[in-house]
């Protein structure tokens, strides 16, 4: 950047004190903050003394699970459920076997 380039920029965009002669209604943006070190400002004792205390996080509750779909939950609720399910699965085969035996005796 040369001195001439900076003069040309001042002619086009103006300075903070004067407007832009080449651009109608344009003005340079002025910085909103003097000190841009936000973290230092927020963590300063002056600001922290005025703020209210930090809120506690809400308690997280366990998601309820469907025992009819989840075998481990069903086993926890009803330890005999696995045996009952196996017995129900074996019942038709046993009934068929008994019917076959009864038919063969006749």
PDB file of N, CA and C in Angstrom:
ATOM      1  N   UNK A   1       0.841  -1.175   0.000  1.00  0.00           N
ATOM      2  CA  UNK A   1       0.000   0.000   0.000  1.00  0.00           C
ATOM      3  C   UNK A   1       0.891   1.245   0.000  1.00  0.00           C
ATOM      4  N   UNK A   2       0.576   2.115  -0.915  1.00  0.00           N
ATOM      5  CA  UNK A   2       1.366   3.340  -0.995  1.00  0.00           C
ATOM      6  C   UNK A   2       0.583   4.496  -0.407  1.00  0.00           C
ATOM      7  N   UNK A   3       1.279   5.609  -0.237  1.00  0.00           N
ATOM      8  CA  UNK A   3       0.623   6.797   0.326  1.00  0.00           C
ATOM      9  C   UNK A   3      -0.474   7.291  -0.611  1.00  0.00           C
ATOM     10  N   UNK A   4      -0.212   7.196  -1.913  1.00  0.00           N
ATOM     11  CA  UNK A   4      -1.209   7.620  -2.899  1.00  0.00           C
ATOM     12  C   UNK A   4      -2.470   6.769  -2.836  1.00  0.00           C
ATOM     13  N   UNK A   5      -2.288   5.476  -2.580  1.00  0.00           N
ATOM     14  CA  UNK A   5      -3.446   4.581  -2.488  1.00  0.00           C
ATOM     15  C   UNK A   5      -4.305   4.943  -1.284  1.00  0.00           C
ATOM     16  N   UNK A   6      -3.673   5.258  -0.162  1.00  0.00           N
ATOM     17  CA  UNK A   6      -4.436   5.648   1.031  1.00  0.00           C
ATOM     18  C   UNK A   6      -5.169   6.969   0.808  1.00  0.00           C
ATOM     19  N   UNK A   7      -4.534   7.914   0.095  1.00  0.00           N
ATOM     20  CA  UNK A   7      -5.211   9.179  -0.210  1.00  0.00           C
ATOM     21  C   UNK A   7      -6.427   8.924  -1.097  1.00  0.00           C
ATOM     22  N   UNK A   8      -6.274   8.013  -2.046  1.00  0.00           N
ATOM     23  CA  UNK A   8      -7.381   7.692  -2.961  1.00  0.00           C
ATOM     24  C   UNK A   8      -8.526   7.032  -2.175  1.00  0.00           C
ATOM     25  N   UNK A   9      -8.182   6.162  -1.207  1.00  0.00           N
ATOM     26  CA  UNK A   9      -9.217   5.555  -0.363  1.00  0.00           C
ATOM     27  C   UNK A   9      -9.943   6.617   0.452  1.00  0.00           C
ATOM     28  N   UNK A  10      -9.198   7.586   0.976  1.00  0.00           N
ATOM     29  CA  UNK A  10      -9.824   8.665   1.736  1.00  0.00           C
ATOM     30  C   UNK A  10     -10.744   9.496   0.850  1.00  0.00           C
ATOM     31  N   UNK A  11     -10.369   9.680  -0.409  1.00  0.00           N
ATOM     32  CA  UNK A  11     -11.232  10.421  -1.338  1.00  0.00           C
ATOM     33  C   UNK A  11     -12.516   9.643  -1.617  1.00  0.00           C
ATOM     34  N   UNK A  12     -12.396   8.329  -1.766  1.00  0.00           N
ATOM     35  CA  UNK A  12     -13.573   7.516  -2.097  1.00  0.00           C
ATOM     36  C   UNK A  12     -14.476   7.298  -0.893  1.00  0.00           C
ATOM     37  N   UNK A  13     -13.906   6.856   0.223  1.00  0.00           N
ATOM     38  CA  UNK A  13     -14.707   6.443   1.376  1.00  0.00           C
ATOM     39  C   UNK A  13     -14.732   7.466   2.503  1.00  0.00           C
ATOM     40  N   UNK A  14     -13.902   8.485   2.437  1.00  0.00           N
ATOM     41  CA  UNK A  14     -13.864   9.496   3.476  1.00  0.00           C
ATOM     42  C   UNK A  14     -13.125   9.001   4.703  1.00  0.00           C
ATOM     43  N   UNK A  15     -13.132   9.815   5.754  1.00  0.00           N
ATOM     44  CA  UNK A  15     -12.512   9.438   7.017  1.00  0.00           C
ATOM     45  C   UNK A  15     -13.599   9.416   8.076  1.00  0.00           C
ATOM     46  N   UNK A  16     -13.217   9.089   9.310  1.00  0.00           N
ATOM     47  CA  UNK A  16     -14.212   9.064  10.384  1.00  0.00           C
ATOM     48  C   UNK A  16     -14.753  10.463  10.664  1.00  0.00           C
ATOM     49  N   UNK A  17     -13.923  11.503  10.438  1.00  0.00           N
ATOM     50  CA  UNK A  17     -14.354  12.880  10.711  1.00  0.00           C
ATOM     51  C   UNK A  17     -15.147  13.474   9.556  1.00  0.00           C
ATOM     52  N   UNK A  18     -14.781  13.123   8.322  1.00  0.00           N
ATOM     53  CA  UNK A  18     -15.474  13.701   7.167  1.00  0.00           C
ATOM     54  C   UNK A  18     -16.235  12.617   6.422  1.00  0.00           C
ATOM     55  N   UNK A  19     -17.245  13.013   5.679  1.00  0.00           N
ATOM     56  CA  UNK A  19     -18.035  12.063   4.907  1.00  0.00           C
ATOM     57  C   UNK A  19     -17.296  11.622   3.661  1.00  0.00           C
ATOM     58  N   UNK A  20     -17.954  10.802   2.845  1.00  0.00           N
ATOM     59  CA  UNK A  20     -17.358  10.300   1.614  1.00  0.00           C
ATOM     60  C   UNK A  20     -17.807  11.194   0.462  1.00  0.00           C
ATOM     61  N   UNK A  21     -16.880  11.972  -0.113  1.00  0.00           N
ATOM     62  CA  UNK A  21     -17.301  12.856  -1.209  1.00  0.00           C
ATOM     63  C   UNK A  21     -17.691  12.090  -2.475  1.00  0.00           C
ATOM     64  N   UNK A  22     -17.089  10.948  -2.734  1.00  0.00           N
ATOM     65  CA  UNK A  22     -17.375  10.202  -3.959  1.00  0.00           C
ATOM     66  C   UNK A  22     -18.632   9.348  -3.828  1.00  0.00           C
ATOM     67  N   UNK A  23     -19.064   9.054  -2.618  1.00  0.00           N
ATOM     68  CA  UNK A  23     -20.237   8.196  -2.409  1.00  0.00           C
ATOM     69  C   UNK A  23     -21.273   8.991  -1.641  1.00  0.00           C
ATOM     70  N   UNK A  24     -22.439   9.116  -2.198  1.00  0.00           N
ATOM     71  CA  UNK A  24     -23.487   9.924  -1.588  1.00  0.00           C
ATOM     72  C   UNK A  24     -24.122   9.179  -0.407  1.00  0.00           C
ATOM     73  N   UNK A  25     -24.151   9.788   0.764  1.00  0.00           N
ATOM     74  CA  UNK A  25     -24.790   9.205   1.942  1.00  0.00           C
ATOM     75  C   UNK A  25     -23.990   8.101   2.615  1.00  0.00           C
ATOM     76  N   UNK A  26     -22.749   7.871   2.200  1.00  0.00           N
ATOM     77  CA  UNK A  26     -21.944   6.801   2.795  1.00  0.00           C
ATOM     78  C   UNK A  26     -21.083   7.360   3.909  1.00  0.00           C
ATOM     79  N   UNK A  27     -20.954   6.617   4.987  1.00  0.00           N
ATOM     80  CA  UNK A  27     -20.025   6.983   6.057  1.00  0.00           C
ATOM     81  C   UNK A  27     -19.325   5.719   6.529  1.00  0.00           C
ATOM     82  N   UNK A  28     -18.105   5.872   6.963  1.00  0.00           N
ATOM     83  CA  UNK A  28     -17.331   4.727   7.434  1.00  0.00           C
ATOM     84  C   UNK A  28     -17.942   4.176   8.707  1.00  0.00           C
ATOM     85  N   UNK A  29     -17.880   2.875   8.861  1.00  0.00           N
ATOM     86  CA  UNK A  29     -18.393   2.251  10.071  1.00  0.00           C
ATOM     87  C   UNK A  29     -17.465   2.560  11.233  1.00  0.00           C
ATOM     88  N   UNK A  30     -18.061   2.913  12.346  1.00  0.00           N
ATOM     89  CA  UNK A  30     -17.280   3.228  13.544  1.00  0.00           C
ATOM     90  C   UNK A  30     -17.351   2.017  14.466  1.00  0.00           C
ATOM     91  N   UNK A  31     -16.247   1.671  15.089  1.00  0.00           N
ATOM     92  CA  UNK A  31     -16.243   0.503  15.971  1.00  0.00           C
ATOM     93  C   UNK A  31     -17.169   0.761  17.155  1.00  0.00           C
ATOM     94  N   UNK A  32     -17.939  -0.255  17.534  1.00  0.00           N
ATOM     95  CA  UNK A  32     -18.918  -0.114  18.605  1.00  0.00           C
ATOM     96  C   UNK A  32     -18.276  -0.180  19.982  1.00  0.00           C
ATOM     97  N   UNK A  33     -17.136  -0.840  20.082  1.00  0.00           N
ATOM     98  CA  UNK A  33     -16.499  -1.030  21.382  1.00  0.00           C
ATOM     99  C   UNK A  33     -15.090  -0.462  21.361  1.00  0.00           C
ATOM    100  N   UNK A  34     -14.710   0.120  22.464  1.00  0.00           N
ATOM    101  CA  UNK A  34     -13.334   0.590  22.609  1.00  0.00           C
ATOM    102  C   UNK A  34     -12.412  -0.600  22.865  1.00  0.00           C
ATOM    103  N   UNK A  35     -12.860  -1.504  23.752  1.00  0.00           N
ATOM    104  CA  UNK A  35     -12.048  -2.657  24.128  1.00  0.00           C
ATOM    105  C   UNK A  35     -12.757  -3.909  23.617  1.00  0.00           C
ATOM    106  N   UNK A  36     -12.154  -4.608  22.683  1.00  0.00           N
ATOM    107  CA  UNK A  36     -12.805  -5.766  22.078  1.00  0.00           C
ATOM    108  C   UNK A  36     -12.475  -7.068  22.793  1.00  0.00           C
ATOM    109  N   UNK A  37     -11.789  -7.010  23.935  1.00  0.00           N
ATOM    110  CA  UNK A  37     -11.455  -8.222  24.681  1.00  0.00           C
ATOM    111  C   UNK A  37     -12.657  -8.615  25.540  1.00  0.00           C
ATOM    112  N   UNK A  38     -13.652  -9.234  24.891  1.00  0.00           N
ATOM    113  CA  UNK A  38     -14.930  -9.558  25.538  1.00  0.00           C
ATOM    114  C   UNK A  38     -14.739 -10.520  26.708  1.00  0.00           C
ATOM    115  N   UNK A  39     -13.903 -11.527  26.541  1.00  0.00           N
ATOM    116  CA  UNK A  39     -13.716 -12.527  27.597  1.00  0.00           C
ATOM    117  C   UNK A  39     -13.210 -11.871  28.870  1.00  0.00           C
ATOM    118  N   UNK A  40     -12.267 -10.940  28.739  1.00  0.00           N
ATOM    119  CA  UNK A  40     -11.732 -10.270  29.925  1.00  0.00           C
ATOM    120  C   UNK A  40     -12.794  -9.396  30.579  1.00  0.00           C
ATOM    121  N   UNK A  41     -13.624  -8.759  29.770  1.00  0.00           N
ATOM    122  CA  UNK A  41     -14.683  -7.903  30.318  1.00  0.00           C
ATOM    123  C   UNK A  41     -15.717  -8.743  31.049  1.00  0.00           C
ATOM    124  N   UNK A  42     -16.169  -9.833  30.430  1.00  0.00           N
ATOM    125  CA  UNK A  42     -17.209 -10.673  31.043  1.00  0.00           C
ATOM    126  C   UNK A  42     -16.710 -11.309  32.328  1.00  0.00           C
ATOM    127  N   UNK A  43     -15.469 -11.762  32.336  1.00  0.00           N
ATOM    128  CA  UNK A  43     -14.929 -12.440  33.515  1.00  0.00           C
ATOM    129  C   UNK A  43     -14.382 -11.488  34.571  1.00  0.00           C
ATOM    130  N   UNK A  44     -14.492 -10.196  34.343  1.00  0.00           N
ATOM    131  CA  UNK A  44     -13.979  -9.241  35.329  1.00  0.00           C
ATOM    132  C   UNK A  44     -14.837  -9.272  36.589  1.00  0.00           C
ATOM    133  N   UNK A  45     -14.258  -8.904  37.701  1.00  0.00           N
ATOM    134  CA  UNK A  45     -14.983  -8.939  38.982  1.00  0.00           C
ATOM    135  C   UNK A  45     -16.116  -7.928  39.001  1.00  0.00           C
ATOM    136  N   UNK A  46     -15.961  -6.807  38.300  1.00  0.00           N
ATOM    137  CA  UNK A  46     -17.023  -5.794  38.270  1.00  0.00           C
ATOM    138  C   UNK A  46     -18.294  -6.355  37.640  1.00  0.00           C
ATOM    139  N   UNK A  47     -18.147  -7.067  36.527  1.00  0.00           N
ATOM    140  CA  UNK A  47     -19.315  -7.633  35.840  1.00  0.00           C
ATOM    141  C   UNK A  47     -19.844  -8.841  36.602  1.00  0.00           C
ATOM    142  N   UNK A  48     -18.965  -9.716  37.067  1.00  0.00           N
ATOM    143  CA  UNK A  48     -19.391 -10.938  37.750  1.00  0.00           C
ATOM    144  C   UNK A  48     -20.102 -10.635  39.064  1.00  0.00           C
ATOM    145  N   UNK A  49     -19.762  -9.537  39.716  1.00  0.00           N
ATOM    146  CA  UNK A  49     -20.420  -9.209  40.988  1.00  0.00           C
ATOM    147  C   UNK A  49     -21.864  -8.778  40.779  1.00  0.00           C
ATOM    148  N   UNK A  50     -22.210  -8.307  39.595  1.00  0.00           N
ATOM    149  CA  UNK A  50     -23.567  -7.836  39.312  1.00  0.00           C
ATOM    150  C   UNK A  50     -24.452  -8.959  38.781  1.00  0.00           C
ATOM    151  N   UNK A  51     -23.859  -9.964  38.160  1.00  0.00           N
ATOM    152  CA  UNK A  51     -24.642 -11.043  37.552  1.00  0.00           C
ATOM    153  C   UNK A  51     -25.241 -11.951  38.608  1.00  0.00           C
ATOM    154  N   UNK A  52     -26.376 -12.578  38.268  1.00  0.00           N
ATOM    155  CA  UNK A  52     -26.982 -13.543  39.188  1.00  0.00           C
ATOM    156  C   UNK A  52     -26.226 -14.860  39.083  1.00  0.00           C
ATOM    157  N   UNK A  53     -26.328 -15.729  40.094  1.00  0.00           N
ATOM    158  CA  UNK A  53     -25.554 -16.980  40.067  1.00  0.00           C
ATOM    159  C   UNK A  53     -26.003 -17.911  38.947  1.00  0.00           C
ATOM    160  N   UNK A  54     -25.105 -18.798  38.572  1.00  0.00           N
ATOM    161  CA  UNK A  54     -25.355 -19.759  37.498  1.00  0.00           C
ATOM    162  C   UNK A  54     -26.446 -20.738  37.912  1.00  0.00           C
ATOM    163  N   UNK A  55     -27.360 -21.062  36.983  1.00  0.00           N
ATOM    164  CA  UNK A  55     -28.450 -22.001  37.269  1.00  0.00           C
ATOM    165  C   UNK A  55     -27.937 -23.435  37.271  1.00  0.00           C
ATOM    166  N   UNK A  56     -28.551 -24.270  38.099  1.00  0.00           N
ATOM    167  CA  UNK A  56     -28.214 -25.693  38.081  1.00  0.00           C
ATOM    168  C   UNK A  56     -28.852 -26.335  36.854  1.00  0.00           C
ATOM    169  N   UNK A  57     -28.171 -27.309  36.294  1.00  0.00           N
ATOM    170  CA  UNK A  57     -28.712 -28.015  35.135  1.00  0.00           C
ATOM    171  C   UNK A  57     -29.899 -28.859  35.581  1.00  0.00           C
ATOM    172  N   UNK A  58     -30.939 -28.980  34.754  1.00  0.00           N
ATOM    173  CA  UNK A  58     -32.087 -29.800  35.142  1.00  0.00           C
ATOM    174  C   UNK A  58     -31.694 -31.270  35.265  1.00  0.00           C
ATOM    175  N   UNK A  59     -32.370 -31.974  36.172  1.00  0.00           N
ATOM    176  CA  UNK A  59     -32.062 -33.385  36.382  1.00  0.00           C
ATOM    177  C   UNK A  59     -32.508 -34.187  35.167  1.00  0.00           C
ATOM    178  N   UNK A  60     -31.681 -35.143  34.783  1.00  0.00           N
ATOM    179  CA  UNK A  60     -32.027 -36.003  33.657  1.00  0.00           C
ATOM    180  C   UNK A  60     -32.654 -37.270  34.200  1.00  0.00           C
ATOM    181  N   UNK A  61     -33.807 -37.609  33.677  1.00  0.00           N
ATOM    182  CA  UNK A  61     -34.507 -38.806  34.099  1.00  0.00           C
ATOM    183  C   UNK A  61     -34.281 -39.907  33.064  1.00  0.00           C
ATOM    184  N   UNK A  62     -34.273 -41.152  33.544  1.00  0.00           N
ATOM    185  CA  UNK A  62     -34.054 -42.293  32.656  1.00  0.00           C
ATOM    186  C   UNK A  62     -35.266 -42.468  31.747  1.00  0.00           C
ATOM    187  N   UNK A  63     -35.011 -42.804  30.520  1.00  0.00           N
ATOM    188  CA  UNK A  63     -36.068 -43.042  29.559  1.00  0.00           C
ATOM    189  C   UNK A  63     -36.701 -44.394  29.856  1.00  0.00           C
ATOM    190  N   UNK A  64     -38.023 -44.412  29.973  1.00  0.00           N
ATOM    191  CA  UNK A  64     -38.697 -45.673  30.266  1.00  0.00           C
ATOM    192  C   UNK A  64     -38.676 -46.552  29.020  1.00  0.00           C
ATOM    193  N   UNK A  65     -38.384 -47.833  29.228  1.00  0.00           N
ATOM    194  CA  UNK A  65     -38.265 -48.751  28.107  1.00  0.00           C
ATOM    195  C   UNK A  65     -39.421 -49.736  28.120  1.00  0.00           C
ATOM    196  N   UNK A  66     -39.787 -50.195  26.935  1.00  0.00           N
ATOM    197  CA  UNK A  66     -40.889 -51.126  26.777  1.00  0.00           C
ATOM    198  C   UNK A  66     -40.390 -52.540  27.080  1.00  0.00           C
ATOM    199  N   UNK A  67     -40.941 -53.141  28.130  1.00  0.00           N
ATOM    200  CA  UNK A  67     -40.506 -54.479  28.537  1.00  0.00           C
ATOM    201  C   UNK A  67     -40.942 -55.544  27.537  1.00  0.00           C
ATOM    202  N   UNK A  68     -41.985 -55.276  26.763  1.00  0.00           N
ATOM    203  CA  UNK A  68     -42.439 -56.265  25.779  1.00  0.00           C
ATOM    204  C   UNK A  68     -41.497 -56.336  24.573  1.00  0.00           C
ATOM    205  N   UNK A  69     -40.749 -55.288  24.340  1.00  0.00           N
ATOM    206  CA  UNK A  69     -39.820 -55.274  23.212  1.00  0.00           C
ATOM    207  C   UNK A  69     -38.374 -55.496  23.644  1.00  0.00           C
ATOM    208  N   UNK A  70     -38.053 -55.184  24.898  1.00  0.00           N
ATOM    209  CA  UNK A  70     -36.680 -55.250  25.378  1.00  0.00           C
ATOM    210  C   UNK A  70     -36.544 -56.416  26.359  1.00  0.00           C
ATOM    211  N   UNK A  71     -35.799 -57.454  25.947  1.00  0.00           N
ATOM    212  CA  UNK A  71     -35.699 -58.680  26.756  1.00  0.00           C
ATOM    213  C   UNK A  71     -35.007 -58.439  28.092  1.00  0.00           C
ATOM    214  N   UNK A  72     -33.978 -57.604  28.113  1.00  0.00           N
ATOM    215  CA  UNK A  72     -33.257 -57.385  29.371  1.00  0.00           C
ATOM    216  C   UNK A  72     -34.122 -56.645  30.387  1.00  0.00           C
ATOM    217  N   UNK A  73     -34.964 -55.728  29.924  1.00  0.00           N
ATOM    218  CA  UNK A  73     -35.873 -55.019  30.836  1.00  0.00           C
ATOM    219  C   UNK A  73     -36.920 -55.989  31.354  1.00  0.00           C
ATOM    220  N   UNK A  74     -37.443 -56.864  30.494  1.00  0.00           N
ATOM    221  CA  UNK A  74     -38.438 -57.853  30.918  1.00  0.00           C
ATOM    222  C   UNK A  74     -37.824 -58.812  31.938  1.00  0.00           C
ATOM    223  N   UNK A  75     -36.576 -59.218  31.731  1.00  0.00           N
ATOM    224  CA  UNK A  75     -35.911 -60.125  32.672  1.00  0.00           C
ATOM    225  C   UNK A  75     -35.732 -59.458  34.033  1.00  0.00           C
ATOM    226  N   UNK A  76     -35.487 -58.145  34.037  1.00  0.00           N
ATOM    227  CA  UNK A  76     -35.359 -57.421  35.293  1.00  0.00           C
ATOM    228  C   UNK A  76     -36.708 -57.324  36.003  1.00  0.00           C
ATOM    229  N   UNK A  77     -37.778 -57.089  35.236  1.00  0.00           N
ATOM    230  CA  UNK A  77     -39.109 -56.966  35.833  1.00  0.00           C
ATOM    231  C   UNK A  77     -39.664 -58.325  36.252  1.00  0.00           C
ATOM    232  N   UNK A  78     -39.494 -59.326  35.388  1.00  0.00           N
ATOM    233  CA  UNK A  78     -40.077 -60.642  35.625  1.00  0.00           C
ATOM    234  C   UNK A  78     -39.031 -61.702  35.283  1.00  0.00           C
ATOM    235  N   UNK A  79     -38.281 -62.197  36.273  1.00  0.00           N
ATOM    236  CA  UNK A  79     -37.222 -63.166  35.990  1.00  0.00           C
ATOM    237  C   UNK A  79     -37.741 -64.468  35.372  1.00  0.00           C
ATOM    238  N   UNK A  80     -38.994 -64.819  35.589  1.00  0.00           N
ATOM    239  CA  UNK A  80     -39.546 -66.065  35.053  1.00  0.00           C
ATOM    240  C   UNK A  80     -40.078 -65.905  33.638  1.00  0.00           C
ATOM    241  N   UNK A  81     -39.992 -64.722  33.056  1.00  0.00           N
ATOM    242  CA  UNK A  81     -40.563 -64.472  31.732  1.00  0.00           C
ATOM    243  C   UNK A  81     -39.881 -65.311  30.658  1.00  0.00           C
ATOM    244  N   UNK A  82     -38.570 -65.476  30.737  1.00  0.00           N
ATOM    245  CA  UNK A  82     -37.856 -66.248  29.719  1.00  0.00           C
ATOM    246  C   UNK A  82     -38.280 -67.712  29.755  1.00  0.00           C
ATOM    247  N   UNK A  83     -38.435 -68.273  30.965  1.00  0.00           N
ATOM    248  CA  UNK A  83     -38.882 -69.670  31.084  1.00  0.00           C
ATOM    249  C   UNK A  83     -40.308 -69.828  30.568  1.00  0.00           C
ATOM    250  N   UNK A  84     -41.174 -68.866  30.886  1.00  0.00           N
ATOM    251  CA  UNK A  84     -42.568 -68.929  30.437  1.00  0.00           C
ATOM    252  C   UNK A  84     -42.647 -68.844  28.917  1.00  0.00           C
ATOM    253  N   UNK A  85     -41.798 -68.014  28.316  1.00  0.00           N
ATOM    254  CA  UNK A  85     -41.800 -67.879  26.859  1.00  0.00           C
ATOM    255  C   UNK A  85     -41.331 -69.175  26.200  1.00  0.00           C
ATOM    256  N   UNK A  86     -40.307 -69.791  26.783  1.00  0.00           N
ATOM    257  CA  UNK A  86     -39.817 -71.060  26.239  1.00  0.00           C
ATOM    258  C   UNK A  86     -40.880 -72.143  26.380  1.00  0.00           C
ATOM    259  N   UNK A  87     -41.608 -72.140  27.493  1.00  0.00           N
ATOM    260  CA  UNK A  87     -42.673 -73.132  27.701  1.00  0.00           C
ATOM    261  C   UNK A  87     -43.801 -72.925  26.698  1.00  0.00           C
ATOM    262  N   UNK A  88     -44.152 -71.662  26.431  1.00  0.00           N
ATOM    263  CA  UNK A  88     -45.209 -71.382  25.442  1.00  0.00           C
ATOM    264  C   UNK A  88     -44.771 -71.815  24.050  1.00  0.00           C
ATOM    265  N   UNK A  89     -43.487 -71.653  23.738  1.00  0.00           N
ATOM    266  CA  UNK A  89     -42.991 -72.055  22.422  1.00  0.00           C
ATOM    267  C   UNK A  89     -42.979 -73.574  22.288  1.00  0.00           C
ATOM    268  N   UNK A  90     -42.719 -74.286  23.389  1.00  0.00           N
ATOM    269  CA  UNK A  90     -42.648 -75.748  23.342  1.00  0.00           C
ATOM    270  C   UNK A  90     -44.031 -76.391  23.440  1.00  0.00           C
ATOM    271  N   UNK A  91     -45.033 -75.687  23.888  1.00  0.00           N
ATOM    272  CA  UNK A  91     -46.370 -76.257  24.106  1.00  0.00           C
ATOM    273  C   UNK A  91     -47.005 -76.812  22.826  1.00  0.00           C
ATOM    274  N   UNK A  92     -46.995 -76.111  21.693  1.00  0.00           N
ATOM    275  CA  UNK A  92     -47.626 -76.682  20.491  1.00  0.00           C
ATOM    276  C   UNK A  92     -46.945 -77.971  20.019  1.00  0.00           C
ATOM    277  N   UNK A  93     -45.625 -78.037  20.137  1.00  0.00           N
ATOM    278  CA  UNK A  93     -44.911 -79.244  19.717  1.00  0.00           C
ATOM    279  C   UNK A  93     -45.276 -80.411  20.628  1.00  0.00           C
ATOM    280  N   UNK A  94     -45.396 -80.150  21.934  1.00  0.00           N
ATOM    281  CA  UNK A  94     -45.770 -81.213  22.879  1.00  0.00           C
ATOM    282  C   UNK A  94     -47.205 -81.662  22.630  1.00  0.00           C
ATOM    283  N   UNK A  95     -48.094 -80.738  22.343  1.00  0.00           N
ATOM    284  CA  UNK A  95     -49.496 -81.089  22.074  1.00  0.00           C
ATOM    285  C   UNK A  95     -49.600 -81.919  20.798  1.00  0.00           C
ATOM    286  N   UNK A  96     -48.814 -81.577  19.798  1.00  0.00           N
ATOM    287  CA  UNK A  96     -48.828 -82.317  18.534  1.00  0.00           C
ATOM    288  C   UNK A  96     -48.323 -83.738  18.754  1.00  0.00           C
ATOM    289  N   UNK A  97     -47.254 -83.852  19.580  1.00  0.00           N
ATOM    290  CA  UNK A  97     -46.691 -85.158  19.883  1.00  0.00           C
ATOM    291  C   UNK A  97     -47.717 -86.016  20.624  1.00  0.00           C
ATOM    292  N   UNK A  98     -48.413 -85.435  21.602  1.00  0.00           N
ATOM    293  CA  UNK A  98     -49.427 -86.175  22.358  1.00  0.00           C
ATOM    294  C   UNK A  98     -50.573 -86.608  21.454  1.00  0.00           C
ATOM    295  N   UNK A  99     -50.968 -85.743  20.543  1.00  0.00           N
ATOM    296  CA  UNK A  99     -52.052 -86.083  19.624  1.00  0.00           C
ATOM    297  C   UNK A  99     -51.626 -87.226  18.708  1.00  0.00           C
ATOM    298  N   UNK A 100     -50.373 -87.215  18.265  1.00  0.00           N
ATOM    299  CA  UNK A 100     -49.871 -88.280  17.411  1.00  0.00           C
ATOM    300  C   UNK A 100     -49.835 -89.604  18.169  1.00  0.00           C
ATOM    301  N   UNK A 101     -49.395 -89.546  19.441  1.00  0.00           N
ATOM    302  CA  UNK A 101     -49.352 -90.759  20.264  1.00  0.00           C
ATOM    303  C   UNK A 101     -50.763 -91.297  20.512  1.00  0.00           C
ATOM    304  N   UNK A 102     -51.700 -90.395  20.769  1.00  0.00           N
ATOM    305  CA  UNK A 102     -53.087 -90.819  21.003  1.00  0.00           C
ATOM    306  C   UNK A 102     -53.685 -91.423  19.735  1.00  0.00           C
ATOM    307  N   UNK A 103     -53.341 -90.869  18.586  1.00  0.00           N
ATOM    308  CA  UNK A 103     -53.860 -91.390  17.321  1.00  0.00           C
ATOM    309  C   UNK A 103     -53.239 -92.744  16.998  1.00  0.00           C
ATOM    310  N   UNK A 104     -51.999 -92.943  17.361  1.00  0.00           N
ATOM    311  CA  UNK A 104     -51.341 -94.216  17.069  1.00  0.00           C
ATOM    312  C   UNK A 104     -51.862 -95.322  17.979  1.00  0.00           C
ATOM    313  N   UNK A 105     -52.331 -94.973  19.193  1.00  0.00           N
ATOM    314  CA  UNK A 105     -52.877 -95.966  20.109  1.00  0.00           C
ATOM    315  C   UNK A 105     -54.241 -96.449  19.636  1.00  0.00           C
ATOM    316  N   UNK A 106     -54.965 -95.654  18.979  1.00  0.00           N
ATOM    317  CA  UNK A 106     -56.316 -96.032  18.547  1.00  0.00           C
ATOM    318  C   UNK A 106     -56.318 -96.916  17.375  1.00  0.00           C
TER     319      UNK A 106
END
